[in-house]
Amino acid sequence: MPRSGSRRVPFWAVMLVAVVLDRITKVMAERSLVWGEAGIPVIGDIARWRLIYNPGAAFGLHLGPFSRWLFLVIAAVAVVVLYRMWKETEVSDHFRQFALACVAGGAAGNLIDRIISPRGVVDFIDIGIGVTRWPTFNVADIAVSCGAVALALSFWREDSDRATAAATDAPPT
């Protein structure tokens, strides 16, 4: 049961912070980088700024000429589903609330790109060694990834607590 006076993590505020940071960095990348160039080293060849446009989804997933619109719809639905999950989360579970808002903020950041740019999502963070590179990504992708890991940990913790409670025949906390 939630404590008296317990407040929720503000979904829209966390989401907005992720979207604003994402937009600011993408605008900076588009203004200072040239599409198609090798990139600007940040930490030697390991990390560099390199502008690309991704018309598909994560890890280069592309579904042909309708990718933009399909992934736009998926992202919009995801934000709605994540908000509903946030509303159903225990008021005292701030970790899960924050995780859901981060994933939604990242999804919304890339959704905005899909709406305003026919070229695709702006990606500019390039990590790797030599020719072995991770797919180029952006701040929205970081929010989605970190939020998803936090969400998985939250669900794992909940399952672990239930298993412990069942083993001791005590009610879950």
C-alpha atoms as a PDB file:
ATOM      1  CA  MET A   1       0.000   0.000   0.000  1.00  0.00           C
ATOM      2  CA  PRO A   2       1.417   3.453  -0.861  1.00  0.00           C
ATOM      3  CA  ARG A   3       2.470   5.718   1.953  1.00  0.00           C
ATOM      4  CA  SER A   4       0.215   8.615   2.810  1.00  0.00           C
ATOM      5  CA  GLY A   5       1.274  11.686   0.839  1.00  0.00           C
ATOM      6  CA  SER A   6       3.393   9.640  -1.588  1.00  0.00           C
ATOM      7  CA  ARG A   7       3.635  11.311  -5.004  1.00  0.00           C
ATOM      8  CA  ARG A   8       4.205   9.973  -8.471  1.00  0.00           C
ATOM      9  CA  VAL A   9       7.226  10.717 -10.610  1.00  0.00           C
ATOM     10  CA  PRO A  10       5.842  13.312 -13.058  1.00  0.00           C
ATOM     11  CA  PHE A  11       5.532  11.341 -16.314  1.00  0.00           C
ATOM     12  CA  TRP A  12       5.133  14.303 -18.654  1.00  0.00           C
ATOM     13  CA  ALA A  13       7.967  16.281 -17.029  1.00  0.00           C
ATOM     14  CA  VAL A  14      10.470  13.398 -17.291  1.00  0.00           C
ATOM     15  CA  MET A  15       9.306  12.699 -20.829  1.00  0.00           C
ATOM     16  CA  LEU A  16       9.655  16.386 -21.737  1.00  0.00           C
ATOM     17  CA  VAL A  17      13.223  16.544 -20.372  1.00  0.00           C
ATOM     18  CA  ALA A  18      14.194  13.562 -22.553  1.00  0.00           C
ATOM     19  CA  VAL A  19      12.528  15.099 -25.619  1.00  0.00           C
ATOM     20  CA  VAL A  20      14.096  18.541 -25.093  1.00  0.00           C
ATOM     21  CA  LEU A  21      17.610  17.132 -24.559  1.00  0.00           C
ATOM     22  CA  ASP A  22      17.148  14.953 -27.622  1.00  0.00           C
ATOM     23  CA  ARG A  23      15.917  17.829 -29.814  1.00  0.00           C
ATOM     24  CA  ILE A  24      18.678  20.204 -28.681  1.00  0.00           C
ATOM     25  CA  THR A  25      21.417  17.666 -29.409  1.00  0.00           C
ATOM     26  CA  LYS A  26      19.919  16.711 -32.781  1.00  0.00           C
ATOM     27  CA  VAL A  27      19.656  20.350 -33.867  1.00  0.00           C
ATOM     28  CA  MET A  28      23.267  20.910 -32.780  1.00  0.00           C
ATOM     29  CA  ALA A  29      24.362  17.805 -34.707  1.00  0.00           C
ATOM     30  CA  GLU A  30      22.581  18.913 -37.874  1.00  0.00           C
ATOM     31  CA  ARG A  31      24.055  22.414 -37.630  1.00  0.00           C
ATOM     32  CA  SER A  32      27.631  21.369 -36.951  1.00  0.00           C
ATOM     33  CA  LEU A  33      28.080  18.042 -38.754  1.00  0.00           C
ATOM     34  CA  VAL A  34      27.969  17.176 -42.444  1.00  0.00           C
ATOM     35  CA  TRP A  35      25.953  14.138 -43.475  1.00  0.00           C
ATOM     36  CA  GLY A  36      28.104  11.441 -45.045  1.00  0.00           C
ATOM     37  CA  GLU A  37      31.418  12.574 -43.557  1.00  0.00           C
ATOM     38  CA  ALA A  38      33.548  10.271 -41.397  1.00  0.00           C
ATOM     39  CA  GLY A  39      32.823  12.248 -38.252  1.00  0.00           C
ATOM     40  CA  ILE A  40      34.591  14.269 -35.610  1.00  0.00           C
ATOM     41  CA  PRO A  41      36.680  12.305 -33.064  1.00  0.00           C
ATOM     42  CA  VAL A  42      35.591  12.828 -29.453  1.00  0.00           C
ATOM     43  CA  ILE A  43      37.624  10.081 -27.768  1.00  0.00           C
ATOM     44  CA  GLY A  44      40.102   9.093 -30.462  1.00  0.00           C
ATOM     45  CA  ASP A  45      38.437   6.675 -32.872  1.00  0.00           C
ATOM     46  CA  ILE A  46      36.356   5.062 -30.094  1.00  0.00           C
ATOM     47  CA  ALA A  47      33.715   7.804 -29.896  1.00  0.00           C
ATOM     48  CA  ARG A  48      32.945  10.351 -32.563  1.00  0.00           C
ATOM     49  CA  TRP A  49      30.177  12.642 -33.753  1.00  0.00           C
ATOM     50  CA  ARG A  50      28.890  11.509 -37.145  1.00  0.00           C
ATOM     51  CA  LEU A  51      25.623  12.622 -38.719  1.00  0.00           C
ATOM     52  CA  ILE A  52      23.384  10.019 -40.308  1.00  0.00           C
ATOM     53  CA  TYR A  53      19.657   9.774 -40.977  1.00  0.00           C
ATOM     54  CA  ASN A  54      17.987   6.506 -40.086  1.00  0.00           C
ATOM     55  CA  PRO A  55      14.744   5.920 -42.023  1.00  0.00           C
ATOM     56  CA  GLY A  56      14.156   2.657 -40.159  1.00  0.00           C
ATOM     57  CA  ALA A  57      14.310   1.683 -36.514  1.00  0.00           C
ATOM     58  CA  ALA A  58      16.957   0.535 -34.062  1.00  0.00           C
ATOM     59  CA  PHE A  59      19.907  -1.431 -35.438  1.00  0.00           C
ATOM     60  CA  GLY A  60      19.038  -0.476 -39.001  1.00  0.00           C
ATOM     61  CA  LEU A  61      15.711  -2.334 -39.056  1.00  0.00           C
ATOM     62  CA  HIS A  62      14.003  -1.137 -42.225  1.00  0.00           C
ATOM     63  CA  LEU A  63      10.652  -2.236 -43.659  1.00  0.00           C
ATOM     64  CA  GLY A  64      10.772  -0.609 -47.063  1.00  0.00           C
ATOM     65  CA  PRO A  65       9.008   2.568 -48.194  1.00  0.00           C
ATOM     66  CA  PHE A  66       6.474   2.456 -45.353  1.00  0.00           C
ATOM     67  CA  SER A  67       9.036   2.266 -42.535  1.00  0.00           C
ATOM     68  CA  ARG A  68       8.658   5.911 -41.593  1.00  0.00           C
ATOM     69  CA  TRP A  69       4.895   5.693 -41.164  1.00  0.00           C
ATOM     70  CA  LEU A  70       4.851   2.265 -39.549  1.00  0.00           C
ATOM     71  CA  PHE A  71       7.471   3.196 -36.953  1.00  0.00           C
ATOM     72  CA  LEU A  72       5.726   6.549 -36.399  1.00  0.00           C
ATOM     73  CA  VAL A  73       2.500   4.722 -35.485  1.00  0.00           C
ATOM     74  CA  ILE A  74       4.359   2.192 -33.333  1.00  0.00           C
ATOM     75  CA  ALA A  75       6.096   4.992 -31.410  1.00  0.00           C
ATOM     76  CA  ALA A  76       2.830   6.882 -30.859  1.00  0.00           C
ATOM     77  CA  VAL A  77       1.093   3.740 -29.601  1.00  0.00           C
ATOM     78  CA  ALA A  78       4.095   2.986 -27.365  1.00  0.00           C
ATOM     79  CA  VAL A  79       3.866   6.396 -25.693  1.00  0.00           C
ATOM     80  CA  VAL A  80       0.163   5.830 -24.949  1.00  0.00           C
ATOM     81  CA  VAL A  81       0.778   2.307 -23.627  1.00  0.00           C
ATOM     82  CA  LEU A  82       3.702   3.488 -21.476  1.00  0.00           C
ATOM     83  CA  TYR A  83       1.565   6.277 -20.017  1.00  0.00           C
ATOM     84  CA  ARG A  84      -1.176   3.787 -19.142  1.00  0.00           C
ATOM     85  CA  MET A  85       1.402   1.506 -17.513  1.00  0.00           C
ATOM     86  CA  TRP A  86       2.706   4.505 -15.551  1.00  0.00           C
ATOM     87  CA  LYS A  87      -0.820   5.265 -14.300  1.00  0.00           C
ATOM     88  CA  GLU A  88      -1.255   1.652 -13.171  1.00  0.00           C
ATOM     89  CA  THR A  89       2.101   1.526 -11.379  1.00  0.00           C
ATOM     90  CA  GLU A  90       2.048   1.734  -7.594  1.00  0.00           C
ATOM     91  CA  VAL A  91       2.352   5.342  -6.445  1.00  0.00           C
ATOM     92  CA  SER A  92       5.348   4.431  -4.288  1.00  0.00           C
ATOM     93  CA  ASP A  93       7.248   2.688  -7.132  1.00  0.00           C
ATOM     94  CA  HIS A  94       9.217   5.711  -8.333  1.00  0.00           C
ATOM     95  CA  PHE A  95      11.869   3.605 -10.058  1.00  0.00           C
ATOM     96  CA  ARG A  96       9.341   1.993 -12.411  1.00  0.00           C
ATOM     97  CA  GLN A  97       7.537   5.296 -12.993  1.00  0.00           C
ATOM     98  CA  PHE A  98      10.806   6.978 -13.960  1.00  0.00           C
ATOM     99  CA  ALA A  99      11.761   4.072 -16.243  1.00  0.00           C
ATOM    100  CA  LEU A 100       8.421   4.212 -18.073  1.00  0.00           C
ATOM    101  CA  ALA A 101       8.694   7.979 -18.559  1.00  0.00           C
ATOM    102  CA  CYS A 102      12.261   7.646 -19.912  1.00  0.00           C
ATOM    103  CA  VAL A 103      11.242   5.038 -22.482  1.00  0.00           C
ATOM    104  CA  ALA A 104       8.276   7.208 -23.497  1.00  0.00           C
ATOM    105  CA  GLY A 105      10.491  10.298 -23.770  1.00  0.00           C
ATOM    106  CA  GLY A 106      12.937   8.507 -26.046  1.00  0.00           C
ATOM    107  CA  ALA A 107      10.128   7.113 -28.181  1.00  0.00           C
ATOM    108  CA  ALA A 108       8.619  10.588 -28.449  1.00  0.00           C
ATOM    109  CA  GLY A 109      11.978  12.124 -29.398  1.00  0.00           C
ATOM    110  CA  ASN A 110      12.391   9.778 -32.342  1.00  0.00           C
ATOM    111  CA  LEU A 111       8.684  10.120 -33.168  1.00  0.00           C
ATOM    112  CA  ILE A 112       9.194  13.865 -33.629  1.00  0.00           C
ATOM    113  CA  ASP A 113      11.989  13.174 -36.134  1.00  0.00           C
ATOM    114  CA  ARG A 114       9.743  10.838 -38.090  1.00  0.00           C
ATOM    115  CA  ILE A 115       7.080  13.547 -38.245  1.00  0.00           C
ATOM    116  CA  ILE A 116       9.323  16.453 -39.293  1.00  0.00           C
ATOM    117  CA  SER A 117      11.926  14.754 -41.480  1.00  0.00           C
ATOM    118  CA  PRO A 118      11.370  12.495 -44.480  1.00  0.00           C
ATOM    119  CA  ARG A 119      15.097  11.584 -44.267  1.00  0.00           C
ATOM    120  CA  GLY A 120      14.600   9.744 -40.986  1.00  0.00           C
ATOM    121  CA  VAL A 121      15.709   9.933 -37.393  1.00  0.00           C
ATOM    122  CA  VAL A 122      18.827  12.005 -36.716  1.00  0.00           C
ATOM    123  CA  ASP A 123      21.605   9.840 -35.251  1.00  0.00           C
ATOM    124  CA  PHE A 124      25.026  11.236 -34.407  1.00  0.00           C
ATOM    125  CA  ILE A 125      26.787   9.263 -31.645  1.00  0.00           C
ATOM    126  CA  ASP A 126      29.183   6.779 -33.229  1.00  0.00           C
ATOM    127  CA  ILE A 127      30.957   4.283 -30.940  1.00  0.00           C
ATOM    128  CA  GLY A 128      33.387   1.537 -31.915  1.00  0.00           C
ATOM    129  CA  ILE A 129      36.929   0.564 -32.728  1.00  0.00           C
ATOM    130  CA  GLY A 130      38.196   0.910 -36.283  1.00  0.00           C
ATOM    131  CA  VAL A 131      35.653  -0.541 -38.704  1.00  0.00           C
ATOM    132  CA  THR A 132      33.839  -2.405 -35.890  1.00  0.00           C
ATOM    133  CA  ARG A 133      31.154   0.112 -34.913  1.00  0.00           C
ATOM    134  CA  TRP A 134      27.980   0.035 -32.863  1.00  0.00           C
ATOM    135  CA  PRO A 135      24.981   1.373 -34.803  1.00  0.00           C
ATOM    136  CA  THR A 136      24.999   5.178 -34.621  1.00  0.00           C
ATOM    137  CA  PHE A 137      22.462   6.468 -32.078  1.00  0.00           C
ATOM    138  CA  ASN A 138      21.115   9.577 -30.328  1.00  0.00           C
ATOM    139  CA  VAL A 139      19.922  10.849 -26.938  1.00  0.00           C
ATOM    140  CA  ALA A 140      16.404   9.447 -27.481  1.00  0.00           C
ATOM    141  CA  ASP A 141      17.928   6.006 -28.020  1.00  0.00           C
ATOM    142  CA  ILE A 142      19.855   6.386 -24.756  1.00  0.00           C
ATOM    143  CA  ALA A 143      16.617   7.262 -22.922  1.00  0.00           C
ATOM    144  CA  VAL A 144      14.823   4.253 -24.421  1.00  0.00           C
ATOM    145  CA  SER A 145      17.703   1.871 -23.657  1.00  0.00           C
ATOM    146  CA  CYS A 146      18.336   3.057 -20.101  1.00  0.00           C
ATOM    147  CA  GLY A 147      14.612   3.182 -19.364  1.00  0.00           C
ATOM    148  CA  ALA A 148      14.111  -0.321 -20.785  1.00  0.00           C
ATOM    149  CA  VAL A 149      16.943  -1.740 -18.658  1.00  0.00           C
ATOM    150  CA  ALA A 150      15.517   0.002 -15.579  1.00  0.00           C
ATOM    151  CA  LEU A 151      12.052  -1.325 -16.402  1.00  0.00           C
ATOM    152  CA  ALA A 152      13.395  -4.873 -16.776  1.00  0.00           C
ATOM    153  CA  LEU A 153      15.159  -4.527 -13.395  1.00  0.00           C
ATOM    154  CA  SER A 154      11.935  -3.254 -11.869  1.00  0.00           C
ATOM    155  CA  PHE A 155       9.968  -6.258 -13.138  1.00  0.00           C
ATOM    156  CA  TRP A 156      12.745  -8.634 -12.073  1.00  0.00           C
ATOM    157  CA  ARG A 157      12.771  -7.089  -8.584  1.00  0.00           C
ATOM    158  CA  GLU A 158       8.990  -7.438  -8.367  1.00  0.00           C
ATOM    159  CA  ASP A 159       9.166 -11.121  -9.400  1.00  0.00           C
ATOM    160  CA  SER A 160      11.974 -11.740  -6.934  1.00  0.00           C
ATOM    161  CA  ASP A 161       9.977 -10.112  -4.110  1.00  0.00           C
ATOM    162  CA  ARG A 162       6.930 -12.240  -4.980  1.00  0.00           C
ATOM    163  CA  ALA A 163       9.004 -15.429  -5.017  1.00  0.00           C
ATOM    164  CA  THR A 164      10.540 -14.573  -1.659  1.00  0.00           C
ATOM    165  CA  ALA A 165       7.124 -13.761  -0.198  1.00  0.00           C
ATOM    166  CA  ALA A 166       5.647 -17.012  -1.553  1.00  0.00           C
ATOM    167  CA  ALA A 167       8.537 -19.017  -0.114  1.00  0.00           C
ATOM    168  CA  THR A 168       8.001 -17.553   3.342  1.00  0.00           C
ATOM    169  CA  ASP A 169       4.190 -17.507   3.052  1.00  0.00           C
ATOM    170  CA  ALA A 170       4.281 -13.797   3.811  1.00  0.00           C
ATOM    171  CA  PRO A 171       2.241 -11.241   1.847  1.00  0.00           C
ATOM    172  CA  PRO A 172       4.212  -9.361  -0.857  1.00  0.00           C
ATOM    173  CA  THR A 173       5.631  -5.983   0.079  1.00  0.00           C
END
